[in-house]
Amino acid sequence: MAKITIIAAAGEGNELGKDKDLVWHLPDDFKRFKQLTTGHTIIMGRKTFETFPKLLPNRKHVIITRKKDYQPANTIVVHSLDEALELVNNEEEAFVIGGGEIYELAMEKADCIELTRVHGTFEADTFFPEIDKDKWKLTASEKHSEDERHNYAFTYLTYERSE
């Protein structure tokens, strides 16, 4: 059974993005995302996939959509999170990378959350679900200050399922 990890960056009010885009640019967070997900399957909703300029290298892309005739090249298309999770059963770890609806569904099934908490509040139309402190335990935290490459301070937070 694969370890299922949710990976996201969200503002203080759980903001994820607006108009199909992130509302911040954090190069170190992109680097961390790449480091953690490379070599693994990434599971996402169709709208998240459609924000990518191209496929992310060295990752298997699984897209969840209700559209029956949707089939971008070099991807696997499924119609439910359960179907996506069945595909990764024999893998060591797979990552759920968004968006908001998919994160909501994955909260009950995931083993780990890798959250980059961006210190600020943002105008958004997509949000990360609340983390239930009765079900999740914070196991690691690493702060980063704002600097010439990062307009916002942020903290990497790792949560493990505690129930």
Protein backbone atom coordinates (compact mmCIF):
# COMPACT_ATOMS: atom_id res chain seq x y z
CA MET A 1 0.00 0.00 0.00
CA ALA A 2 1.45 3.35 -1.05
CA LYS A 3 1.97 6.16 1.40
CA ILE A 4 -0.38 8.94 0.25
CA THR A 5 1.00 12.44 0.82
CA ILE A 6 -0.91 15.65 0.24
CA ILE A 7 1.43 18.45 -0.83
CA ALA A 8 0.30 22.07 -0.96
CA ALA A 9 1.17 25.70 -0.28
CA ALA A 10 -1.53 27.74 1.45
CA GLY A 11 -1.82 31.18 3.03
CA GLU A 12 -2.78 31.87 6.63
CA GLY A 13 -6.48 31.66 5.66
CA ASN A 14 -5.90 28.42 3.71
CA GLU A 15 -5.80 30.29 0.40
CA LEU A 16 -4.43 28.21 -2.47
CA GLY A 17 -4.91 30.36 -5.53
CA LYS A 18 -7.01 32.70 -7.62
CA ASP A 19 -8.06 32.54 -11.26
CA LYS A 20 -6.28 29.19 -11.73
CA ASP A 21 -2.92 30.50 -10.51
CA LEU A 22 -0.92 30.76 -7.30
CA VAL A 23 -0.98 34.15 -5.60
CA TRP A 24 2.72 34.09 -4.63
CA HIS A 25 6.05 33.05 -6.14
CA LEU A 26 8.33 31.09 -3.80
CA PRO A 27 11.30 29.55 -5.66
CA ASP A 28 12.45 27.47 -2.67
CA ASP A 29 8.96 25.97 -2.34
CA PHE A 30 8.98 25.02 -6.03
CA LYS A 31 12.39 23.40 -5.48
CA ARG A 32 11.07 21.43 -2.49
CA PHE A 33 7.98 20.34 -4.44
CA LYS A 34 10.22 19.07 -7.24
CA GLN A 35 12.59 17.31 -4.82
CA LEU A 36 9.74 15.52 -2.98
CA THR A 37 7.61 14.53 -5.99
CA THR A 38 10.23 13.60 -8.62
CA GLY A 39 10.13 9.89 -9.39
CA HIS A 40 6.62 9.51 -7.96
CA THR A 41 3.04 9.61 -9.19
CA ILE A 42 1.28 12.95 -8.81
CA ILE A 43 -2.52 12.91 -8.54
CA MET A 44 -4.47 16.04 -9.41
CA GLY A 45 -7.74 17.40 -10.66
CA ARG A 46 -8.21 18.41 -14.27
CA LYS A 47 -8.23 22.16 -13.50
CA THR A 48 -4.89 21.88 -11.69
CA PHE A 49 -3.41 19.91 -14.59
CA GLU A 50 -4.58 22.55 -17.07
CA THR A 51 -2.54 25.23 -15.25
CA PHE A 52 0.72 23.43 -16.14
CA PRO A 53 2.62 24.78 -19.14
CA LYS A 54 3.81 21.20 -19.80
CA LEU A 55 4.10 17.83 -18.07
CA LEU A 56 6.33 17.87 -15.00
CA PRO A 57 9.45 15.81 -15.76
CA ASN A 58 10.09 12.41 -14.15
CA ARG A 59 6.61 12.06 -12.66
CA LYS A 60 3.59 9.97 -13.63
CA HIS A 61 0.56 12.27 -14.01
CA VAL A 62 -2.83 10.94 -12.88
CA ILE A 63 -5.72 13.31 -13.58
CA ILE A 64 -9.13 13.05 -11.95
CA THR A 65 -12.01 14.43 -14.01
CA ARG A 66 -15.72 13.93 -14.58
CA LYS A 67 -15.18 14.46 -18.33
CA LYS A 68 -15.47 11.06 -20.01
CA ASP A 69 -13.60 11.99 -23.21
CA TYR A 70 -10.69 13.84 -21.59
CA GLN A 71 -7.31 12.29 -22.47
CA PRO A 72 -4.21 14.52 -22.60
CA ALA A 73 -1.13 12.80 -24.03
CA ASN A 74 1.19 10.91 -21.67
CA THR A 75 -1.21 11.04 -18.70
CA ILE A 76 -3.55 8.61 -16.98
CA VAL A 77 -7.13 9.81 -16.63
CA VAL A 78 -9.47 8.46 -13.94
CA HIS A 79 -12.88 9.52 -12.70
CA SER A 80 -12.50 9.25 -8.90
CA LEU A 81 -9.89 9.57 -6.19
CA ASP A 82 -10.40 5.90 -5.28
CA GLU A 83 -9.60 4.91 -8.86
CA ALA A 84 -6.41 7.04 -8.71
CA LEU A 85 -5.37 5.47 -5.40
CA GLU A 86 -5.86 1.94 -6.78
CA LEU A 87 -3.32 2.78 -9.51
CA VAL A 88 -0.61 3.60 -6.96
CA ASN A 89 -1.21 0.65 -4.62
CA ASN A 90 2.17 -0.94 -5.39
CA GLU A 91 4.17 2.28 -5.20
CA GLU A 92 6.19 3.48 -2.23
CA GLU A 93 4.59 6.94 -2.14
CA ALA A 94 2.24 9.05 -4.27
CA PHE A 95 1.43 12.75 -3.99
CA VAL A 96 -1.93 14.51 -4.18
CA ILE A 97 -1.13 17.96 -5.58
CA GLY A 98 -4.54 19.65 -5.82
CA GLY A 99 -6.69 21.47 -6.34
CA GLY A 100 -9.10 22.38 -3.57
CA GLU A 101 -11.76 19.74 -4.32
CA ILE A 102 -9.20 16.96 -4.65
CA TYR A 103 -7.47 17.99 -1.40
CA GLU A 104 -10.84 17.87 0.36
CA LEU A 105 -11.46 14.31 -0.88
CA ALA A 106 -7.90 13.21 -0.04
CA MET A 107 -7.97 14.40 3.60
CA GLU A 108 -9.71 11.19 4.69
CA LYS A 109 -7.35 8.92 2.74
CA ALA A 110 -3.93 10.52 3.12
CA ASP A 111 -1.18 9.44 5.52
CA CYS A 112 0.85 12.65 5.46
CA ILE A 113 0.48 16.36 4.64
CA GLU A 114 3.45 18.41 3.43
CA LEU A 115 2.12 21.96 3.76
CA THR A 116 3.99 25.15 3.00
CA ARG A 117 2.24 27.78 5.13
CA VAL A 118 2.71 31.13 3.40
CA HIS A 119 2.66 33.90 6.02
CA GLY A 120 0.15 36.37 4.66
CA THR A 121 -3.49 36.62 3.68
CA PHE A 122 -4.45 36.63 0.05
CA GLU A 123 -7.45 37.13 -2.18
CA ALA A 124 -8.33 33.65 -3.41
CA ASP A 125 -11.05 31.54 -4.98
CA THR A 126 -9.58 28.14 -4.07
CA PHE A 127 -8.84 26.98 -0.53
CA PHE A 128 -7.07 24.17 1.32
CA PRO A 129 -9.26 22.22 3.76
CA GLU A 130 -8.96 22.80 7.51
CA ILE A 131 -6.50 20.41 9.16
CA ASP A 132 -8.31 18.59 11.98
CA LYS A 133 -5.85 18.63 14.91
CA ASP A 134 -7.58 15.51 16.35
CA LYS A 135 -6.63 13.54 13.23
CA TRP A 136 -3.27 15.09 12.33
CA LYS A 137 -0.11 15.60 14.36
CA LEU A 138 2.53 18.19 13.42
CA THR A 139 5.84 16.27 13.24
CA ALA A 140 8.18 18.80 11.60
CA SER A 141 8.36 22.55 11.08
CA GLU A 142 10.98 24.62 9.24
CA LYS A 143 10.70 28.42 9.01
CA HIS A 144 11.96 30.57 6.13
CA SER A 145 12.13 34.34 6.21
CA GLU A 146 11.24 36.59 3.32
CA ASP A 147 14.28 37.63 1.30
CA GLU A 148 15.23 39.05 -2.11
CA ARG A 149 13.79 35.93 -3.84
CA HIS A 150 10.75 35.44 -1.59
CA ASN A 151 8.21 38.22 -0.95
CA TYR A 152 6.66 36.28 1.93
CA ALA A 153 7.96 34.34 4.91
CA PHE A 154 6.80 30.71 4.91
CA THR A 155 7.05 27.57 7.00
CA TYR A 156 7.28 23.96 5.84
CA LEU A 157 4.93 21.89 8.01
CA THR A 158 4.77 18.10 8.02
CA TYR A 159 1.70 16.44 9.49
CA GLU A 160 1.25 12.70 10.04
CA ARG A 161 -2.13 11.05 10.55
CA SER A 162 -2.56 10.46 14.28
CA GLU A 163 -5.75 8.42 14.38
